[in-house]
Amino acid sequence: MEFDAELDARGLLCPLPVLKARKRLMALAPGQALRVVTDDPAALVDVPHFCAEQNHTLMDRTDLGHPVHAWVIRRGG
């Protein structure tokens, strides 16, 4: 899946991955996509909730080997 920017949030615990993703998404234009790589188990709940609350679209979640996941989030307008 294509994306416009990437954030490596491995090693960060809740809520830092989501807070950093929010900051990076605000630097993108609406419709652009951010790939976020996390290893915090709480991200499995936090990232989808963040997307729903902020009107972003969760385009993809890929398991990169427990506990690492890659998320592609499209910025909402």
C-alpha atoms as a PDB file:
ATOM      1  CA  MET A   1       0.000   0.000   0.000  1.00  0.00           C
ATOM      2  CA  GLU A   2       1.297   3.451  -0.896  1.00  0.00           C
ATOM      3  CA  PHE A   3       1.784   6.226   1.650  1.00  0.00           C
ATOM      4  CA  ASP A   4       3.138   9.779   1.681  1.00  0.00           C
ATOM      5  CA  ALA A   5       5.011   9.795   5.003  1.00  0.00           C
ATOM      6  CA  GLU A   6       6.188   7.315   7.600  1.00  0.00           C
ATOM      7  CA  LEU A   7       6.502   7.357  11.382  1.00  0.00           C
ATOM      8  CA  ASP A   8       8.487   4.742  13.291  1.00  0.00           C
ATOM      9  CA  ALA A   9       6.837   4.667  16.714  1.00  0.00           C
ATOM     10  CA  ARG A  10       8.489   1.462  17.917  1.00  0.00           C
ATOM     11  CA  GLY A  11       9.594   1.693  21.513  1.00  0.00           C
ATOM     12  CA  LEU A  12       6.909   4.257  22.374  1.00  0.00           C
ATOM     13  CA  LEU A  13       4.099   3.419  24.768  1.00  0.00           C
ATOM     14  CA  CYS A  14       0.515   4.667  24.823  1.00  0.00           C
ATOM     15  CA  PRO A  15      -0.391   7.435  24.182  1.00  0.00           C
ATOM     16  CA  LEU A  16       2.811   8.538  22.420  1.00  0.00           C
ATOM     17  CA  PRO A  17       2.353   6.601  19.141  1.00  0.00           C
ATOM     18  CA  VAL A  18      -1.067   8.193  18.594  1.00  0.00           C
ATOM     19  CA  LEU A  19       0.091  11.663  19.667  1.00  0.00           C
ATOM     20  CA  LYS A  20       3.040  11.540  17.280  1.00  0.00           C
ATOM     21  CA  ALA A  21       0.814  10.196  14.495  1.00  0.00           C
ATOM     22  CA  ARG A  22      -1.610  13.071  15.040  1.00  0.00           C
ATOM     23  CA  LYS A  23       1.213  15.603  14.729  1.00  0.00           C
ATOM     24  CA  ARG A  24       2.536  13.981  11.531  1.00  0.00           C
ATOM     25  CA  LEU A  25      -0.948  13.750   9.998  1.00  0.00           C
ATOM     26  CA  MET A  26      -1.541  17.460  10.605  1.00  0.00           C
ATOM     27  CA  ALA A  27       1.528  18.174   8.445  1.00  0.00           C
ATOM     28  CA  LEU A  28      -0.047  16.243   5.555  1.00  0.00           C
ATOM     29  CA  ALA A  29      -2.763  17.448   3.202  1.00  0.00           C
ATOM     30  CA  PRO A  30      -6.223  15.894   3.509  1.00  0.00           C
ATOM     31  CA  GLY A  31      -6.262  12.625   1.569  1.00  0.00           C
ATOM     32  CA  GLN A  32      -2.565  11.906   2.041  1.00  0.00           C
ATOM     33  CA  ALA A  33      -1.537   8.761   3.927  1.00  0.00           C
ATOM     34  CA  LEU A  34       0.798   8.132   6.845  1.00  0.00           C
ATOM     35  CA  ARG A  35       2.348   4.745   7.621  1.00  0.00           C
ATOM     36  CA  VAL A  36       2.922   4.222  11.346  1.00  0.00           C
ATOM     37  CA  VAL A  37       4.950   1.309  12.726  1.00  0.00           C
ATOM     38  CA  THR A  38       4.185   0.389  16.352  1.00  0.00           C
ATOM     39  CA  ASP A  39       5.177  -2.293  18.831  1.00  0.00           C
ATOM     40  CA  ASP A  40       2.945  -1.249  21.738  1.00  0.00           C
ATOM     41  CA  PRO A  41       0.160  -3.838  22.219  1.00  0.00           C
ATOM     42  CA  ALA A  42      -2.200  -0.992  23.191  1.00  0.00           C
ATOM     43  CA  ALA A  43      -1.920   0.345  19.617  1.00  0.00           C
ATOM     44  CA  LEU A  44      -4.308  -2.424  18.517  1.00  0.00           C
ATOM     45  CA  VAL A  45      -7.039  -0.492  20.335  1.00  0.00           C
ATOM     46  CA  ASP A  46      -5.618   3.040  20.299  1.00  0.00           C
ATOM     47  CA  VAL A  47      -4.963   3.485  16.568  1.00  0.00           C
ATOM     48  CA  PRO A  48      -8.434   2.431  15.313  1.00  0.00           C
ATOM     49  CA  HIS A  49     -10.060   4.509  18.073  1.00  0.00           C
ATOM     50  CA  PHE A  50      -7.918   7.535  17.176  1.00  0.00           C
ATOM     51  CA  CYS A  51      -8.882   7.223  13.501  1.00  0.00           C
ATOM     52  CA  ALA A  52     -12.582   6.996  14.307  1.00  0.00           C
ATOM     53  CA  GLU A  53     -12.496   9.931  16.723  1.00  0.00           C
ATOM     54  CA  GLN A  54     -10.468  12.205  14.407  1.00  0.00           C
ATOM     55  CA  ASN A  55     -12.286  11.289  11.163  1.00  0.00           C
ATOM     56  CA  HIS A  56      -9.217   9.695   9.568  1.00  0.00           C
ATOM     57  CA  THR A  57      -9.497   6.486   7.557  1.00  0.00           C
ATOM     58  CA  LEU A  58      -7.607   3.400   8.684  1.00  0.00           C
ATOM     59  CA  MET A  59      -6.617   1.986   5.296  1.00  0.00           C
ATOM     60  CA  ASP A  60      -4.526  -1.008   6.370  1.00  0.00           C
ATOM     61  CA  ARG A  61      -3.024  -2.860   9.315  1.00  0.00           C
ATOM     62  CA  THR A  62      -0.212  -5.293   8.642  1.00  0.00           C
ATOM     63  CA  ASP A  63       1.262  -7.671  11.207  1.00  0.00           C
ATOM     64  CA  LEU A  64       5.041  -7.452  10.870  1.00  0.00           C
ATOM     65  CA  GLY A  65       5.682 -10.105  13.498  1.00  0.00           C
ATOM     66  CA  HIS A  66       4.413  -9.941  17.055  1.00  0.00           C
ATOM     67  CA  PRO A  67       4.161  -7.315  18.487  1.00  0.00           C
ATOM     68  CA  VAL A  68       5.038  -5.047  15.518  1.00  0.00           C
ATOM     69  CA  HIS A  69       2.268  -3.673  13.295  1.00  0.00           C
ATOM     70  CA  ALA A  70       2.251  -1.223  10.402  1.00  0.00           C
ATOM     71  CA  TRP A  71      -0.779   1.022  10.013  1.00  0.00           C
ATOM     72  CA  VAL A  72      -1.693   3.159   7.012  1.00  0.00           C
ATOM     73  CA  ILE A  73      -3.886   6.109   7.940  1.00  0.00           C
ATOM     74  CA  ARG A  74      -5.417   8.467   5.386  1.00  0.00           C
ATOM     75  CA  ARG A  75      -5.868  11.982   6.726  1.00  0.00           C
ATOM     76  CA  GLY A  76      -9.441  13.164   6.814  1.00  0.00           C
ATOM     77  CA  GLY A  77     -10.547  16.603   5.695  1.00  0.00           C
END
